[in-house]
Amino acid sequence: MELKEEKLSRAISAYSRRQILRLLAEKEMTVTEVCKKTGQSKSLASRHLTMLHDLGFLVVRKEFPHKFYSLKIKELRSLLDVYDTVIEKI
């Protein structure tokens, strides 16, 4: 259980990753689409997406020449909403 908690903590600890997770909760996206929506560089967005995938939070669908990322755990959206509510109150 401890390792799973660390994975979750690592995934949502950075604003940039939370931003990506929120976008992917809405729809499947490519790295380029994530970059346009977040303003992140392609290399940074790619690193975040790879990390989130490696941690087990994303699904990757390959359709040459693109990779499409989507949220694997749909309940993460609710967690992010609660996270935002708590942050607003402190």
PDB file of N, CA and C in Angstrom:
ATOM      1  N   MET A   1       0.822  -1.192   0.000  1.00  0.00           N
ATOM      2  CA  MET A   1       0.000   0.000   0.000  1.00  0.00           C
ATOM      3  C   MET A   1       0.867   1.258   0.000  1.00  0.00           C
ATOM      4  N   GLU A   2       1.949   1.228   0.738  1.00  0.00           N
ATOM      5  CA  GLU A   2       2.814   2.395   0.840  1.00  0.00           C
ATOM      6  C   GLU A   2       3.362   2.818  -0.527  1.00  0.00           C
ATOM      7  N   LEU A   3       3.765   1.856  -1.341  1.00  0.00           N
ATOM      8  CA  LEU A   3       4.294   2.156  -2.672  1.00  0.00           C
ATOM      9  C   LEU A   3       3.217   2.806  -3.540  1.00  0.00           C
ATOM     10  N   LYS A   4       1.992   2.327  -3.456  1.00  0.00           N
ATOM     11  CA  LYS A   4       0.900   2.901  -4.233  1.00  0.00           C
ATOM     12  C   LYS A   4       0.630   4.338  -3.810  1.00  0.00           C
ATOM     13  N   GLU A   5       0.700   4.603  -2.513  1.00  0.00           N
ATOM     14  CA  GLU A   5       0.508   5.966  -2.022  1.00  0.00           C
ATOM     15  C   GLU A   5       1.615   6.886  -2.521  1.00  0.00           C
ATOM     16  N   GLU A   6       2.834   6.373  -2.555  1.00  0.00           N
ATOM     17  CA  GLU A   6       3.959   7.156  -3.073  1.00  0.00           C
ATOM     18  C   GLU A   6       3.776   7.458  -4.547  1.00  0.00           C
ATOM     19  N   LYS A   7       3.277   6.495  -5.309  1.00  0.00           N
ATOM     20  CA  LYS A   7       3.027   6.708  -6.738  1.00  0.00           C
ATOM     21  C   LYS A   7       1.996   7.810  -6.938  1.00  0.00           C
ATOM     22  N   LEU A   8       0.912   7.743  -6.182  1.00  0.00           N
ATOM     23  CA  LEU A   8      -0.135   8.752  -6.293  1.00  0.00           C
ATOM     24  C   LEU A   8       0.400  10.123  -5.894  1.00  0.00           C
ATOM     25  N   SER A   9       1.118  10.174  -4.798  1.00  0.00           N
ATOM     26  CA  SER A   9       1.685  11.425  -4.324  1.00  0.00           C
ATOM     27  C   SER A   9       2.619  12.032  -5.370  1.00  0.00           C
ATOM     28  N   ARG A  10       3.424  11.199  -5.961  1.00  0.00           N
ATOM     29  CA  ARG A  10       4.366  11.671  -6.984  1.00  0.00           C
ATOM     30  C   ARG A  10       3.627  12.191  -8.215  1.00  0.00           C
ATOM     31  N   ALA A  11       2.555  11.509  -8.598  1.00  0.00           N
ATOM     32  CA  ALA A  11       1.799  11.902  -9.784  1.00  0.00           C
ATOM     33  C   ALA A  11       1.133  13.257  -9.622  1.00  0.00           C
ATOM     34  N   ILE A  12       0.585  13.521  -8.439  1.00  0.00           N
ATOM     35  CA  ILE A  12      -0.168  14.775  -8.261  1.00  0.00           C
ATOM     36  C   ILE A  12       0.613  15.865  -7.539  1.00  0.00           C
ATOM     37  N   SER A  13       1.872  15.621  -7.235  1.00  0.00           N
ATOM     38  CA  SER A  13       2.652  16.608  -6.487  1.00  0.00           C
ATOM     39  C   SER A  13       3.003  17.851  -7.302  1.00  0.00           C
ATOM     40  N   ALA A  14       3.090  17.728  -8.598  1.00  0.00           N
ATOM     41  CA  ALA A  14       3.467  18.876  -9.436  1.00  0.00           C
ATOM     42  C   ALA A  14       2.240  19.441 -10.150  1.00  0.00           C
ATOM     43  N   TYR A  15       2.143  20.750 -10.144  1.00  0.00           N
ATOM     44  CA  TYR A  15       1.026  21.430 -10.811  1.00  0.00           C
ATOM     45  C   TYR A  15       0.928  21.005 -12.274  1.00  0.00           C
ATOM     46  N   SER A  16       2.065  20.918 -12.950  1.00  0.00           N
ATOM     47  CA  SER A  16       2.083  20.557 -14.376  1.00  0.00           C
ATOM     48  C   SER A  16       1.453  19.189 -14.625  1.00  0.00           C
ATOM     49  N   ARG A  17       1.748  18.242 -13.756  1.00  0.00           N
ATOM     50  CA  ARG A  17       1.171  16.899 -13.929  1.00  0.00           C
ATOM     51  C   ARG A  17      -0.320  16.902 -13.608  1.00  0.00           C
ATOM     52  N   ARG A  18      -0.726  17.665 -12.597  1.00  0.00           N
ATOM     53  CA  ARG A  18      -2.157  17.758 -12.293  1.00  0.00           C
ATOM     54  C   ARG A  18      -2.910  18.379 -13.463  1.00  0.00           C
ATOM     55  N   GLN A  19      -2.299  19.367 -14.070  1.00  0.00           N
ATOM     56  CA  GLN A  19      -2.891  20.031 -15.231  1.00  0.00           C
ATOM     57  C   GLN A  19      -3.089  19.015 -16.371  1.00  0.00           C
ATOM     58  N   ILE A  20      -2.094  18.197 -16.612  1.00  0.00           N
ATOM     59  CA  ILE A  20      -2.174  17.171 -17.660  1.00  0.00           C
ATOM     60  C   ILE A  20      -3.247  16.140 -17.317  1.00  0.00           C
ATOM     61  N   LEU A  21      -3.274  15.695 -16.078  1.00  0.00           N
ATOM     62  CA  LEU A  21      -4.269  14.702 -15.664  1.00  0.00           C
ATOM     63  C   LEU A  21      -5.682  15.238 -15.847  1.00  0.00           C
ATOM     64  N   ARG A  22      -5.888  16.509 -15.530  1.00  0.00           N
ATOM     65  CA  ARG A  22      -7.221  17.107 -15.707  1.00  0.00           C
ATOM     66  C   ARG A  22      -7.622  17.111 -17.180  1.00  0.00           C
ATOM     67  N   LEU A  23      -6.680  17.472 -18.041  1.00  0.00           N
ATOM     68  CA  LEU A  23      -6.965  17.475 -19.479  1.00  0.00           C
ATOM     69  C   LEU A  23      -7.307  16.082 -19.984  1.00  0.00           C
ATOM     70  N   LEU A  24      -6.530  15.108 -19.551  1.00  0.00           N
ATOM     71  CA  LEU A  24      -6.735  13.742 -20.027  1.00  0.00           C
ATOM     72  C   LEU A  24      -7.979  13.100 -19.423  1.00  0.00           C
ATOM     73  N   ALA A  25      -8.482  13.664 -18.345  1.00  0.00           N
ATOM     74  CA  ALA A  25      -9.744  13.185 -17.771  1.00  0.00           C
ATOM     75  C   ALA A  25     -10.908  13.556 -18.701  1.00  0.00           C
ATOM     76  N   GLU A  26     -10.705  14.600 -19.491  1.00  0.00           N
ATOM     77  CA  GLU A  26     -11.738  15.068 -20.418  1.00  0.00           C
ATOM     78  C   GLU A  26     -11.710  14.304 -21.740  1.00  0.00           C
ATOM     79  N   LYS A  27     -10.498  14.080 -22.267  1.00  0.00           N
ATOM     80  CA  LYS A  27     -10.403  13.380 -23.552  1.00  0.00           C
ATOM     81  C   LYS A  27      -8.970  12.904 -23.804  1.00  0.00           C
ATOM     82  N   GLU A  28      -8.841  12.000 -24.731  1.00  0.00           N
ATOM     83  CA  GLU A  28      -7.550  11.465 -25.155  1.00  0.00           C
ATOM     84  C   GLU A  28      -6.800  12.550 -25.935  1.00  0.00           C
ATOM     85  N   MET A  29      -5.478  12.636 -25.701  1.00  0.00           N
ATOM     86  CA  MET A  29      -4.681  13.682 -26.362  1.00  0.00           C
ATOM     87  C   MET A  29      -3.300  13.172 -26.735  1.00  0.00           C
ATOM     88  N   THR A  30      -2.697  13.862 -27.699  1.00  0.00           N
ATOM     89  CA  THR A  30      -1.301  13.614 -28.063  1.00  0.00           C
ATOM     90  C   THR A  30      -0.419  14.579 -27.266  1.00  0.00           C
ATOM     91  N   VAL A  31       0.875  14.360 -27.326  1.00  0.00           N
ATOM     92  CA  VAL A  31       1.822  15.263 -26.655  1.00  0.00           C
ATOM     93  C   VAL A  31       1.650  16.686 -27.187  1.00  0.00           C
ATOM     94  N   THR A  32       1.517  16.818 -28.490  1.00  0.00           N
ATOM     95  CA  THR A  32       1.375  18.136 -29.109  1.00  0.00           C
ATOM     96  C   THR A  32       0.133  18.855 -28.597  1.00  0.00           C
ATOM     97  N   GLU A  33      -0.973  18.132 -28.457  1.00  0.00           N
ATOM     98  CA  GLU A  33      -2.205  18.735 -27.943  1.00  0.00           C
ATOM     99  C   GLU A  33      -2.031  19.171 -26.490  1.00  0.00           C
ATOM    100  N   VAL A  34      -1.358  18.346 -25.703  1.00  0.00           N
ATOM    101  CA  VAL A  34      -1.095  18.686 -24.301  1.00  0.00           C
ATOM    102  C   VAL A  34      -0.249  19.954 -24.235  1.00  0.00           C
ATOM    103  N   CYS A  35       0.761  20.053 -25.075  1.00  0.00           N
ATOM    104  CA  CYS A  35       1.629  21.243 -25.116  1.00  0.00           C
ATOM    105  C   CYS A  35       0.820  22.505 -25.406  1.00  0.00           C
ATOM    106  N   LYS A  36      -0.048  22.425 -26.392  1.00  0.00           N
ATOM    107  CA  LYS A  36      -0.855  23.588 -26.771  1.00  0.00           C
ATOM    108  C   LYS A  36      -1.775  24.023 -25.637  1.00  0.00           C
ATOM    109  N   LYS A  37      -2.359  23.077 -24.929  1.00  0.00           N
ATOM    110  CA  LYS A  37      -3.304  23.398 -23.853  1.00  0.00           C
ATOM    111  C   LYS A  37      -2.621  23.890 -22.586  1.00  0.00           C
ATOM    112  N   THR A  38      -1.411  23.393 -22.316  1.00  0.00           N
ATOM    113  CA  THR A  38      -0.733  23.728 -21.059  1.00  0.00           C
ATOM    114  C   THR A  38       0.334  24.800 -21.204  1.00  0.00           C
ATOM    115  N   GLY A  39       0.823  25.000 -22.426  1.00  0.00           N
ATOM    116  CA  GLY A  39       1.919  25.949 -22.626  1.00  0.00           C
ATOM    117  C   GLY A  39       3.276  25.372 -22.272  1.00  0.00           C
ATOM    118  N   GLN A  40       3.330  24.078 -21.997  1.00  0.00           N
ATOM    119  CA  GLN A  40       4.598  23.417 -21.680  1.00  0.00           C
ATOM    120  C   GLN A  40       5.357  23.110 -22.966  1.00  0.00           C
ATOM    121  N   SER A  41       6.671  23.005 -22.832  1.00  0.00           N
ATOM    122  CA  SER A  41       7.463  22.585 -23.984  1.00  0.00           C
ATOM    123  C   SER A  41       7.146  21.120 -24.272  1.00  0.00           C
ATOM    124  N   LYS A  42       7.441  20.700 -25.485  1.00  0.00           N
ATOM    125  CA  LYS A  42       7.163  19.317 -25.874  1.00  0.00           C
ATOM    126  C   LYS A  42       7.976  18.338 -25.037  1.00  0.00           C
ATOM    127  N   SER A  43       9.220  18.685 -24.744  1.00  0.00           N
ATOM    128  CA  SER A  43      10.061  17.770 -23.960  1.00  0.00           C
ATOM    129  C   SER A  43       9.548  17.639 -22.527  1.00  0.00           C
ATOM    130  N   LEU A  44       9.096  18.739 -21.922  1.00  0.00           N
ATOM    131  CA  LEU A  44       8.583  18.681 -20.559  1.00  0.00           C
ATOM    132  C   LEU A  44       7.272  17.892 -20.507  1.00  0.00           C
ATOM    133  N   ALA A  45       6.369  18.189 -21.429  1.00  0.00           N
ATOM    134  CA  ALA A  45       5.092  17.468 -21.473  1.00  0.00           C
ATOM    135  C   ALA A  45       5.331  15.975 -21.708  1.00  0.00           C
ATOM    136  N   SER A  46       6.257  15.664 -22.579  1.00  0.00           N
ATOM    137  CA  SER A  46       6.582  14.269 -22.869  1.00  0.00           C
ATOM    138  C   SER A  46       7.134  13.555 -21.633  1.00  0.00           C
ATOM    139  N   ARG A  47       7.992  14.240 -20.891  1.00  0.00           N
ATOM    140  CA  ARG A  47       8.540  13.648 -19.657  1.00  0.00           C
ATOM    141  C   ARG A  47       7.438  13.396 -18.632  1.00  0.00           C
ATOM    142  N   HIS A  48       6.536  14.368 -18.483  1.00  0.00           N
ATOM    143  CA  HIS A  48       5.423  14.194 -17.548  1.00  0.00           C
ATOM    144  C   HIS A  48       4.520  13.035 -17.981  1.00  0.00           C
ATOM    145  N   LEU A  49       4.208  12.962 -19.267  1.00  0.00           N
ATOM    146  CA  LEU A  49       3.348  11.889 -19.763  1.00  0.00           C
ATOM    147  C   LEU A  49       3.996  10.527 -19.572  1.00  0.00           C
ATOM    148  N   THR A  50       5.286  10.449 -19.844  1.00  0.00           N
ATOM    149  CA  THR A  50       6.010   9.190 -19.650  1.00  0.00           C
ATOM    150  C   THR A  50       5.999   8.787 -18.184  1.00  0.00           C
ATOM    151  N   MET A  51       6.245   9.743 -17.320  1.00  0.00           N
ATOM    152  CA  MET A  51       6.255   9.459 -15.887  1.00  0.00           C
ATOM    153  C   MET A  51       4.881   8.978 -15.419  1.00  0.00           C
ATOM    154  N   LEU A  52       3.824   9.682 -15.823  1.00  0.00           N
ATOM    155  CA  LEU A  52       2.471   9.306 -15.431  1.00  0.00           C
ATOM    156  C   LEU A  52       2.094   7.926 -15.972  1.00  0.00           C
ATOM    157  N   HIS A  53       2.551   7.631 -17.168  1.00  0.00           N
ATOM    158  CA  HIS A  53       2.315   6.292 -17.739  1.00  0.00           C
ATOM    159  C   HIS A  53       3.081   5.233 -16.952  1.00  0.00           C
ATOM    160  N   ASP A  54       4.343   5.501 -16.674  1.00  0.00           N
ATOM    161  CA  ASP A  54       5.170   4.547 -15.927  1.00  0.00           C
ATOM    162  C   ASP A  54       4.631   4.300 -14.517  1.00  0.00           C
ATOM    163  N   LEU A  55       4.017   5.315 -13.923  1.00  0.00           N
ATOM    164  CA  LEU A  55       3.426   5.170 -12.592  1.00  0.00           C
ATOM    165  C   LEU A  55       2.095   4.412 -12.634  1.00  0.00           C
ATOM    166  N   GLY A  56       1.549   4.233 -13.841  1.00  0.00           N
ATOM    167  CA  GLY A  56       0.323   3.449 -13.998  1.00  0.00           C
ATOM    168  C   GLY A  56      -0.959   4.256 -14.081  1.00  0.00           C
ATOM    169  N   PHE A  57      -0.859   5.569 -14.312  1.00  0.00           N
ATOM    170  CA  PHE A  57      -2.043   6.416 -14.346  1.00  0.00           C
ATOM    171  C   PHE A  57      -2.588   6.666 -15.746  1.00  0.00           C
ATOM    172  N   LEU A  58      -1.797   6.374 -16.769  1.00  0.00           N
ATOM    173  CA  LEU A  58      -2.216   6.636 -18.145  1.00  0.00           C
ATOM    174  C   LEU A  58      -2.184   5.387 -19.005  1.00  0.00           C
ATOM    175  N   VAL A  59      -3.012   5.421 -20.045  1.00  0.00           N
ATOM    176  CA  VAL A  59      -3.013   4.402 -21.090  1.00  0.00           C
ATOM    177  C   VAL A  59      -2.473   5.087 -22.340  1.00  0.00           C
ATOM    178  N   VAL A  60      -1.657   4.378 -23.101  1.00  0.00           N
ATOM    179  CA  VAL A  60      -1.123   4.922 -24.347  1.00  0.00           C
ATOM    180  C   VAL A  60      -1.627   4.071 -25.504  1.00  0.00           C
ATOM    181  N   ARG A  61      -2.199   4.750 -26.482  1.00  0.00           N
ATOM    182  CA  ARG A  61      -2.652   4.085 -27.706  1.00  0.00           C
ATOM    183  C   ARG A  61      -1.794   4.621 -28.850  1.00  0.00           C
ATOM    184  N   LYS A  62      -1.130   3.714 -29.539  1.00  0.00           N
ATOM    185  CA  LYS A  62      -0.251   4.125 -30.634  1.00  0.00           C
ATOM    186  C   LYS A  62      -0.975   3.998 -31.961  1.00  0.00           C
ATOM    187  N   GLU A  63      -0.948   5.092 -32.696  1.00  0.00           N
ATOM    188  CA  GLU A  63      -1.513   5.134 -34.040  1.00  0.00           C
ATOM    189  C   GLU A  63      -0.519   5.941 -34.862  1.00  0.00           C
ATOM    190  N   PHE A  64       0.382   5.242 -35.538  1.00  0.00           N
ATOM    191  CA  PHE A  64       1.504   5.875 -36.209  1.00  0.00           C
ATOM    192  C   PHE A  64       1.047   7.091 -36.996  1.00  0.00           C
ATOM    193  N   PRO A  65       1.721   8.202 -36.838  1.00  0.00           N
ATOM    194  CA  PRO A  65       2.954   8.463 -36.097  1.00  0.00           C
ATOM    195  C   PRO A  65       2.714   9.028 -34.696  1.00  0.00           C
ATOM    196  N   HIS A  66       1.516   8.896 -34.162  1.00  0.00           N
ATOM    197  CA  HIS A  66       1.183   9.526 -32.883  1.00  0.00           C
ATOM    198  C   HIS A  66       0.980   8.517 -31.761  1.00  0.00           C
ATOM    199  N   LYS A  67       1.097   9.046 -30.533  1.00  0.00           N
ATOM    200  CA  LYS A  67       0.722   8.313 -29.331  1.00  0.00           C
ATOM    201  C   LYS A  67      -0.399   9.116 -28.690  1.00  0.00           C
ATOM    202  N   PHE A  68      -1.471   8.442 -28.360  1.00  0.00           N
ATOM    203  CA  PHE A  68      -2.603   9.085 -27.723  1.00  0.00           C
ATOM    204  C   PHE A  68      -2.659   8.653 -26.269  1.00  0.00           C
ATOM    205  N   TYR A  69      -2.701   9.630 -25.380  1.00  0.00           N
ATOM    206  CA  TYR A  69      -2.703   9.369 -23.945  1.00  0.00           C
ATOM    207  C   TYR A  69      -4.105   9.597 -23.382  1.00  0.00           C
ATOM    208  N   SER A  70      -4.505   8.736 -22.461  1.00  0.00           N
ATOM    209  CA  SER A  70      -5.774   8.907 -21.766  1.00  0.00           C
ATOM    210  C   SER A  70      -5.629   8.429 -20.334  1.00  0.00           C
ATOM    211  N   LEU A  71      -6.572   8.857 -19.514  1.00  0.00           N
ATOM    212  CA  LEU A  71      -6.549   8.504 -18.096  1.00  0.00           C
ATOM    213  C   LEU A  71      -6.963   7.046 -17.915  1.00  0.00           C
ATOM    214  N   LYS A  72      -6.157   6.297 -17.217  1.00  0.00           N
ATOM    215  CA  LYS A  72      -6.438   4.886 -16.957  1.00  0.00           C
ATOM    216  C   LYS A  72      -7.414   4.737 -15.791  1.00  0.00           C
ATOM    217  N   ILE A  73      -7.251   5.586 -14.795  1.00  0.00           N
ATOM    218  CA  ILE A  73      -8.069   5.514 -13.588  1.00  0.00           C
ATOM    219  C   ILE A  73      -8.991   6.738 -13.573  1.00  0.00           C
ATOM    220  N   LYS A  74     -10.215   6.545 -13.992  1.00  0.00           N
ATOM    221  CA  LYS A  74     -11.161   7.656 -14.149  1.00  0.00           C
ATOM    222  C   LYS A  74     -11.468   8.365 -12.829  1.00  0.00           C
ATOM    223  N   GLU A  75     -11.389   7.649 -11.713  1.00  0.00           N
ATOM    224  CA  GLU A  75     -11.675   8.235 -10.409  1.00  0.00           C
ATOM    225  C   GLU A  75     -10.660   9.309 -10.016  1.00  0.00           C
ATOM    226  N   LEU A  76      -9.554   9.355 -10.710  1.00  0.00           N
ATOM    227  CA  LEU A  76      -8.535  10.366 -10.426  1.00  0.00           C
ATOM    228  C   LEU A  76      -9.094  11.770 -10.616  1.00  0.00           C
ATOM    229  N   ARG A  77     -10.032  11.920 -11.520  1.00  0.00           N
ATOM    230  CA  ARG A  77     -10.663  13.221 -11.757  1.00  0.00           C
ATOM    231  C   ARG A  77     -11.331  13.736 -10.471  1.00  0.00           C
ATOM    232  N   SER A  78     -12.051  12.847  -9.786  1.00  0.00           N
ATOM    233  CA  SER A  78     -12.715  13.220  -8.530  1.00  0.00           C
ATOM    234  C   SER A  78     -11.697  13.603  -7.469  1.00  0.00           C
ATOM    235  N   LEU A  79     -10.607  12.876  -7.408  1.00  0.00           N
ATOM    236  CA  LEU A  79      -9.550  13.179  -6.449  1.00  0.00           C
ATOM    237  C   LEU A  79      -8.959  14.563  -6.715  1.00  0.00           C
ATOM    238  N   LEU A  80      -8.748  14.890  -7.968  1.00  0.00           N
ATOM    239  CA  LEU A  80      -8.207  16.203  -8.325  1.00  0.00           C
ATOM    240  C   LEU A  80      -9.189  17.314  -7.954  1.00  0.00           C
ATOM    241  N   ASP A  81     -10.484  17.058  -8.098  1.00  0.00           N
ATOM    242  CA  ASP A  81     -11.495  18.044  -7.706  1.00  0.00           C
ATOM    243  C   ASP A  81     -11.442  18.298  -6.197  1.00  0.00           C
ATOM    244  N   VAL A  82     -11.328  17.227  -5.418  1.00  0.00           N
ATOM    245  CA  VAL A  82     -11.226  17.357  -3.963  1.00  0.00           C
ATOM    246  C   VAL A  82      -9.932  18.082  -3.597  1.00  0.00           C
ATOM    247  N   TYR A  83      -8.860  17.740  -4.270  1.00  0.00           N
ATOM    248  CA  TYR A  83      -7.556  18.390  -4.056  1.00  0.00           C
ATOM    249  C   TYR A  83      -7.697  19.901  -4.236  1.00  0.00           C
ATOM    250  N   ASP A  84      -8.348  20.311  -5.330  1.00  0.00           N
ATOM    251  CA  ASP A  84      -8.543  21.747  -5.600  1.00  0.00           C
ATOM    252  C   ASP A  84      -9.360  22.408  -4.495  1.00  0.00           C
ATOM    253  N   THR A  85     -10.395  21.726  -4.038  1.00  0.00           N
ATOM    254  CA  THR A  85     -11.238  22.278  -2.977  1.00  0.00           C
ATOM    255  C   THR A  85     -10.443  22.483  -1.700  1.00  0.00           C
ATOM    256  N   VAL A  86      -9.630  21.515  -1.343  1.00  0.00           N
ATOM    257  CA  VAL A  86      -8.804  21.618  -0.132  1.00  0.00           C
ATOM    258  C   VAL A  86      -7.793  22.744  -0.275  1.00  0.00           C
ATOM    259  N   ILE A  87      -7.140  22.829  -1.417  1.00  0.00           N
ATOM    260  CA  ILE A  87      -6.144  23.892  -1.655  1.00  0.00           C
ATOM    261  C   ILE A  87      -6.773  25.269  -1.514  1.00  0.00           C
ATOM    262  N   GLU A  88      -7.983  25.435  -2.017  1.00  0.00           N
ATOM    263  CA  GLU A  88      -8.669  26.724  -1.916  1.00  0.00           C
ATOM    264  C   GLU A  88      -8.941  27.131  -0.470  1.00  0.00           C
ATOM    265  N   LYS A  89      -9.074  26.139   0.407  1.00  0.00           N
ATOM    266  CA  LYS A  89      -9.436  26.412   1.800  1.00  0.00           C
ATOM    267  C   LYS A  89      -8.238  26.665   2.706  1.00  0.00           C
ATOM    268  N   ILE A  90      -7.033  26.426   2.223  1.00  0.00           N
ATOM    269  CA  ILE A  90      -5.867  26.675   3.088  1.00  0.00           C
ATOM    270  C   ILE A  90      -5.177  27.967   2.714  1.00  0.00           C
TER     271      ILE A  90
END
